[in-house]
Amino acid sequence: MNKNAYTTVKLEKGEMNVYDFGAVKLHAYRTDDPIADEVFVLEKAGQAVILESPCFFDSNRALAEYLEERELTVAGMLLAYHMAGASFLPGTRKYATRNADEYGHSGGGKALIENFTGVYGDDFDGSIHTVTDFLEEGEAAIGGIRFRVIPTQEAFDVEIPEINTVYTHMLGHDCHSIVAGAGHADALIGQLEGFLAKGYTLVLTSHYTPEDLKDVETKIAYLRTLKDIAGRCSGAEEFKRAVQERYGAYSGENYLDMTAGFFFG
């Protein structure tokens, strides 16, 4: 499946890019919200499983209307890194690991929700989903679709074997990412090299359209360059200037600010 082989449906807010794998369809919702969220809907035999929740009220409404128009029965929602947006489909079963639940309700995810609520005000749905079903590492079946749950330090990633696809929090081959120092960069490189070894068709992330293994290779090179630049710099501002010079076309300057803070305290 080519990452550009989709049909596009315009929504009241954002757009849906639909990939047809045969028995399974992947609906990739580009919300166009201020933090560039992506939400994914997996459809099989009239049922739908949602990966992550939109978290701005206009996106919540647009996606709910889309699902209703297509008469899809939502079997559940997998909540990993994005727990905000609890006004979206409140009666749906919510699945997460216990560490993801903690991340969203009291850890780093909760801190981000509080920050976004302060920045975006009434447009942002800062209410937090309540998990109804806790997942363990390994296989899980929801809505007739098999998933493989892969715990991470903060939450969990998800493999979808039927479409040879993996979901993780961030990739973004031409944008900056939050990298919490050299050790974190090494961990990310190891994870991405694992993606290459498994030969996934698509990589889904919370803040970017679906990507492929060429994009994974690009991100690995970026992470190695970040480490190299950090090793030659003496402070955050010098580091940021050097990275901007090397990657002038990259988006996500706010993420680069955070990365600089992690590398140089």
Protein backbone atom coordinates (compact mmCIF):
# COMPACT_ATOMS: atom_id res chain seq x y z
CA MET A 1 0.00 0.00 0.00
CA ASN A 2 1.47 3.31 -1.12
CA LYS A 3 1.12 6.03 1.52
CA ASN A 4 -0.44 8.28 -1.15
CA ALA A 5 -2.97 5.66 -2.35
CA TYR A 6 -6.07 7.07 -0.68
CA THR A 7 -9.32 8.82 -1.45
CA THR A 8 -10.12 12.08 0.32
CA VAL A 9 -13.39 13.10 1.96
CA LYS A 10 -13.76 16.70 3.15
CA LEU A 11 -15.31 17.09 6.59
CA GLU A 12 -16.83 20.10 8.26
CA LYS A 13 -13.47 20.36 10.01
CA GLY A 14 -10.40 18.79 8.40
CA GLU A 15 -10.40 15.87 5.98
CA MET A 16 -10.46 12.09 5.93
CA ASN A 17 -8.03 10.07 3.81
CA VAL A 18 -9.34 6.55 3.25
CA TYR A 19 -7.02 3.61 2.50
CA ASP A 20 -8.68 0.43 1.20
CA PHE A 21 -6.90 -2.77 2.28
CA GLY A 22 -9.79 -5.00 1.24
CA ALA A 23 -11.43 -6.46 4.33
CA VAL A 24 -10.13 -3.55 6.39
CA LYS A 25 -10.33 0.14 5.59
CA LEU A 26 -8.16 2.74 7.30
CA HIS A 27 -9.71 6.18 7.71
CA ALA A 28 -6.97 8.69 8.55
CA TYR A 29 -8.53 11.86 9.95
CA ARG A 30 -6.41 14.98 9.52
CA THR A 31 -8.09 17.28 12.01
CA ASP A 32 -6.29 20.49 10.99
CA ASP A 33 -6.50 21.53 14.64
CA PRO A 34 -3.87 23.81 16.23
CA ILE A 35 -1.70 20.87 17.35
CA ALA A 36 -2.03 18.92 14.07
CA ASP A 37 -3.71 15.86 15.56
CA GLU A 38 -4.32 12.74 13.50
CA VAL A 39 -7.02 10.25 14.50
CA PHE A 40 -7.38 6.84 12.85
CA VAL A 41 -10.49 4.73 12.31
CA LEU A 42 -10.19 1.07 11.37
CA GLU A 43 -13.28 -0.32 9.66
CA LYS A 44 -14.16 -3.98 9.22
CA ALA A 45 -17.56 -5.55 8.44
CA GLY A 46 -19.49 -2.45 9.50
CA GLN A 47 -17.66 -2.01 12.79
CA ALA A 48 -15.08 0.63 13.65
CA VAL A 49 -12.22 0.89 16.12
CA ILE A 50 -10.80 4.35 16.75
CA LEU A 51 -7.12 4.99 17.49
CA GLU A 52 -6.85 8.05 19.77
CA SER A 53 -9.43 10.75 20.34
CA PRO A 54 -9.77 14.16 18.75
CA CYS A 55 -9.54 16.84 21.42
CA PHE A 56 -10.97 20.04 19.94
CA PHE A 57 -14.75 20.37 20.03
CA ASP A 58 -15.13 21.10 16.30
CA SER A 59 -13.07 18.00 15.41
CA ASN A 60 -15.11 15.91 17.86
CA ARG A 61 -18.32 16.91 16.09
CA ALA A 62 -16.93 16.45 12.58
CA LEU A 63 -15.66 12.93 13.24
CA ALA A 64 -18.84 11.85 15.06
CA GLU A 65 -20.90 13.03 12.08
CA TYR A 66 -18.62 11.17 9.66
CA LEU A 67 -19.04 7.89 11.56
CA GLU A 68 -22.81 8.35 11.74
CA GLU A 69 -23.14 9.13 8.04
CA ARG A 70 -21.34 5.88 7.19
CA GLU A 71 -23.45 3.91 9.66
CA LEU A 72 -20.38 2.49 11.38
CA THR A 73 -20.84 0.82 14.76
CA VAL A 74 -17.98 1.92 17.01
CA ALA A 75 -16.76 -1.14 18.90
CA GLY A 76 -14.15 0.73 20.93
CA MET A 77 -11.53 3.41 21.16
CA LEU A 78 -7.82 2.80 21.85
CA LEU A 79 -6.41 5.65 23.96
CA ALA A 80 -2.64 5.78 24.25
CA TYR A 81 -1.00 9.21 24.19
CA HIS A 82 -4.10 11.43 23.80
CA MET A 83 -6.62 11.10 26.65
CA ALA A 84 -8.33 14.49 26.23
CA GLY A 85 -11.61 14.99 24.39
CA ALA A 86 -13.99 12.99 26.58
CA SER A 87 -17.06 14.66 25.03
CA PHE A 88 -16.33 12.56 21.93
CA LEU A 89 -18.47 9.37 21.86
CA PRO A 90 -18.90 9.25 25.66
CA GLY A 91 -20.74 5.91 25.67
CA THR A 92 -18.03 4.02 23.75
CA ARG A 93 -15.76 1.47 25.40
CA LYS A 94 -12.30 2.94 26.01
CA TYR A 95 -9.22 0.69 25.95
CA ALA A 96 -5.77 1.53 27.37
CA THR A 97 -2.90 0.05 29.33
CA ARG A 98 -2.58 1.04 32.98
CA ASN A 99 0.53 3.13 32.35
CA ALA A 100 -1.28 5.01 29.57
CA ASP A 101 -4.16 5.66 31.94
CA GLU A 102 -1.73 7.04 34.52
CA TYR A 103 0.04 9.16 31.88
CA GLY A 104 -3.23 10.72 30.81
CA HIS A 105 -4.76 11.26 34.24
CA SER A 106 -1.81 12.24 36.40
CA GLY A 107 1.44 12.12 34.40
CA GLY A 108 2.95 13.99 31.49
CA GLY A 109 -0.18 13.65 29.40
CA LYS A 110 -2.24 15.38 32.08
CA ALA A 111 0.28 18.24 32.20
CA LEU A 112 -0.04 18.70 28.43
CA ILE A 113 -3.83 18.72 28.67
CA GLU A 114 -3.69 21.44 31.31
CA ASN A 115 -1.30 23.46 29.16
CA PHE A 116 -3.44 23.15 26.04
CA THR A 117 -6.55 24.09 28.02
CA GLY A 118 -4.80 27.27 29.12
CA VAL A 119 -3.58 28.10 25.61
CA TYR A 120 -6.67 27.23 23.54
CA GLY A 121 -9.43 27.94 26.03
CA ASP A 122 -13.00 26.96 25.17
CA ASP A 123 -12.02 25.45 21.79
CA PHE A 124 -10.08 22.65 23.48
CA ASP A 125 -11.88 19.73 25.14
CA GLY A 126 -9.76 19.25 28.25
CA SER A 127 -12.01 16.60 29.77
CA ILE A 128 -10.25 13.24 30.13
CA HIS A 129 -11.66 9.92 28.94
CA THR A 130 -12.39 7.22 31.52
CA VAL A 131 -10.86 3.87 30.59
CA THR A 132 -13.37 1.01 30.72
CA ASP A 133 -11.09 -1.87 29.66
CA PHE A 134 -7.43 -2.30 30.55
CA LEU A 135 -5.08 -3.90 28.05
CA GLU A 136 -2.03 -6.05 28.68
CA GLU A 137 0.97 -6.50 26.43
CA GLY A 138 0.28 -8.78 23.49
CA GLU A 139 -2.75 -9.71 21.42
CA ALA A 140 -6.17 -8.09 21.71
CA ALA A 141 -9.23 -8.31 19.46
CA ILE A 142 -11.73 -5.44 19.21
CA GLY A 143 -14.47 -5.12 16.61
CA GLY A 144 -13.22 -8.20 14.77
CA ILE A 145 -9.76 -6.68 14.27
CA ARG A 146 -6.59 -8.09 15.81
CA PHE A 147 -4.18 -5.74 17.54
CA ARG A 148 -0.84 -6.26 19.23
CA VAL A 149 -0.24 -3.98 22.21
CA ILE A 150 3.37 -2.84 22.71
CA PRO A 151 3.91 -1.00 26.02
CA THR A 152 6.18 2.06 25.96
CA GLN A 153 7.56 4.20 28.76
CA GLU A 154 4.62 6.61 28.58
CA ALA A 155 1.77 4.58 27.08
CA PHE A 156 1.68 1.98 24.28
CA ASP A 157 2.12 1.47 20.56
CA VAL A 158 -0.19 -0.72 18.48
CA GLU A 159 0.50 -3.16 15.66
CA ILE A 160 -2.35 -3.95 13.25
CA PRO A 161 -1.23 -7.22 11.63
CA GLU A 162 -4.06 -7.44 9.09
CA ILE A 163 -2.77 -4.32 7.33
CA ASN A 164 0.91 -4.68 8.34
CA THR A 165 0.82 -1.29 10.04
CA VAL A 166 2.04 0.15 13.34
CA TYR A 167 0.80 3.12 15.35
CA THR A 168 3.18 5.14 17.53
CA HIS A 169 3.10 8.65 18.99
CA MET A 170 5.44 10.61 16.71
CA LEU A 171 7.48 10.26 13.54
CA GLY A 172 7.19 13.17 11.10
CA HIS A 173 9.97 12.85 8.54
CA ASP A 174 10.15 16.61 7.83
CA CYS A 175 9.28 18.12 11.19
CA HIS A 176 11.04 18.38 14.54
CA SER A 177 10.14 15.99 17.36
CA ILE A 178 10.49 16.09 21.12
CA VAL A 179 13.80 14.36 21.89
CA ALA A 180 14.61 14.21 25.59
CA GLY A 181 18.40 14.01 25.29
CA ALA A 182 20.93 11.65 23.75
CA GLY A 183 19.66 8.58 25.55
CA HIS A 184 16.14 9.18 24.31
CA ALA A 185 17.46 9.70 20.78
CA ASP A 186 19.20 6.32 20.96
CA ALA A 187 15.99 4.68 22.20
CA LEU A 188 14.01 6.22 19.33
CA ILE A 189 16.60 5.09 16.81
CA GLY A 190 16.37 1.56 18.17
CA GLN A 191 12.59 1.62 17.94
CA LEU A 192 12.65 2.90 14.36
CA GLU A 193 15.26 0.35 13.32
CA GLY A 194 12.81 -2.23 14.65
CA PHE A 195 10.16 -0.81 12.30
CA LEU A 196 12.55 -1.28 9.39
CA ALA A 197 13.29 -4.86 10.42
CA LYS A 198 9.57 -5.69 10.59
CA GLY A 199 8.91 -4.12 7.20
CA TYR A 200 5.71 -2.29 8.05
CA THR A 201 3.64 -1.00 5.15
CA LEU A 202 2.58 2.17 6.95
CA VAL A 203 3.51 3.97 10.16
CA LEU A 204 0.68 5.90 11.81
CA THR A 205 1.38 8.69 14.28
CA SER A 206 -0.64 11.16 16.32
CA HIS A 207 0.64 14.29 14.59
CA TYR A 208 1.31 13.37 10.96
CA THR A 209 -0.29 11.74 7.96
CA PRO A 210 0.59 8.03 7.40
CA GLU A 211 4.25 7.50 6.55
CA ASP A 212 6.38 4.69 5.14
CA LEU A 213 9.77 3.10 5.72
CA LYS A 214 11.62 5.71 3.65
CA ASP A 215 10.29 8.26 6.11
CA VAL A 216 11.53 6.08 8.97
CA GLU A 217 15.02 6.08 7.45
CA THR A 218 14.87 9.88 7.14
CA LYS A 219 13.92 10.20 10.81
CA ILE A 220 16.75 7.93 11.93
CA ALA A 221 19.23 10.13 10.07
CA TYR A 222 17.69 13.24 11.67
CA LEU A 223 18.05 11.79 15.18
CA ARG A 224 21.69 10.86 14.59
CA THR A 225 22.38 14.36 13.28
CA LEU A 226 20.71 15.91 16.36
CA LYS A 227 23.07 13.95 18.60
CA ASP A 228 26.07 15.00 16.54
CA ILE A 229 25.07 18.68 16.61
CA ALA A 230 24.42 18.56 20.35
CA GLY A 231 27.89 17.13 20.91
CA ARG A 232 29.44 20.12 19.14
CA CYS A 233 27.39 22.82 20.90
CA SER A 234 27.78 24.41 24.31
CA GLY A 235 24.25 25.68 24.87
CA ALA A 236 20.61 25.56 23.83
CA GLU A 237 20.63 28.62 21.57
CA GLU A 238 23.72 27.50 19.68
CA PHE A 239 22.16 24.07 19.28
CA LYS A 240 18.87 25.49 17.97
CA ARG A 241 20.63 27.72 15.45
CA ALA A 242 22.71 24.81 14.15
CA VAL A 243 19.65 22.55 13.81
CA GLN A 244 17.65 25.28 12.07
CA GLU A 245 20.51 25.84 9.64
CA ARG A 246 20.63 22.13 8.84
CA TYR A 247 16.81 21.64 8.73
CA GLY A 248 15.52 25.04 7.68
CA ALA A 249 12.36 23.70 6.02
CA TYR A 250 11.25 21.63 9.03
CA SER A 251 8.08 22.52 10.92
CA GLY A 252 7.56 22.09 14.67
CA GLU A 253 9.76 24.87 16.08
CA ASN A 254 8.05 24.45 19.46
CA TYR A 255 9.25 20.84 19.57
CA LEU A 256 12.80 21.96 18.76
CA ASP A 257 12.61 24.40 21.68
CA MET A 258 11.68 21.52 23.97
CA THR A 259 14.44 19.30 22.57
CA ALA A 260 17.02 22.04 23.16
CA GLY A 261 15.84 22.32 26.74
CA PHE A 262 16.24 18.59 27.28
CA PHE A 263 19.74 18.47 25.79
CA PHE A 264 21.00 21.57 27.60
CA GLY A 265 18.89 21.78 30.74
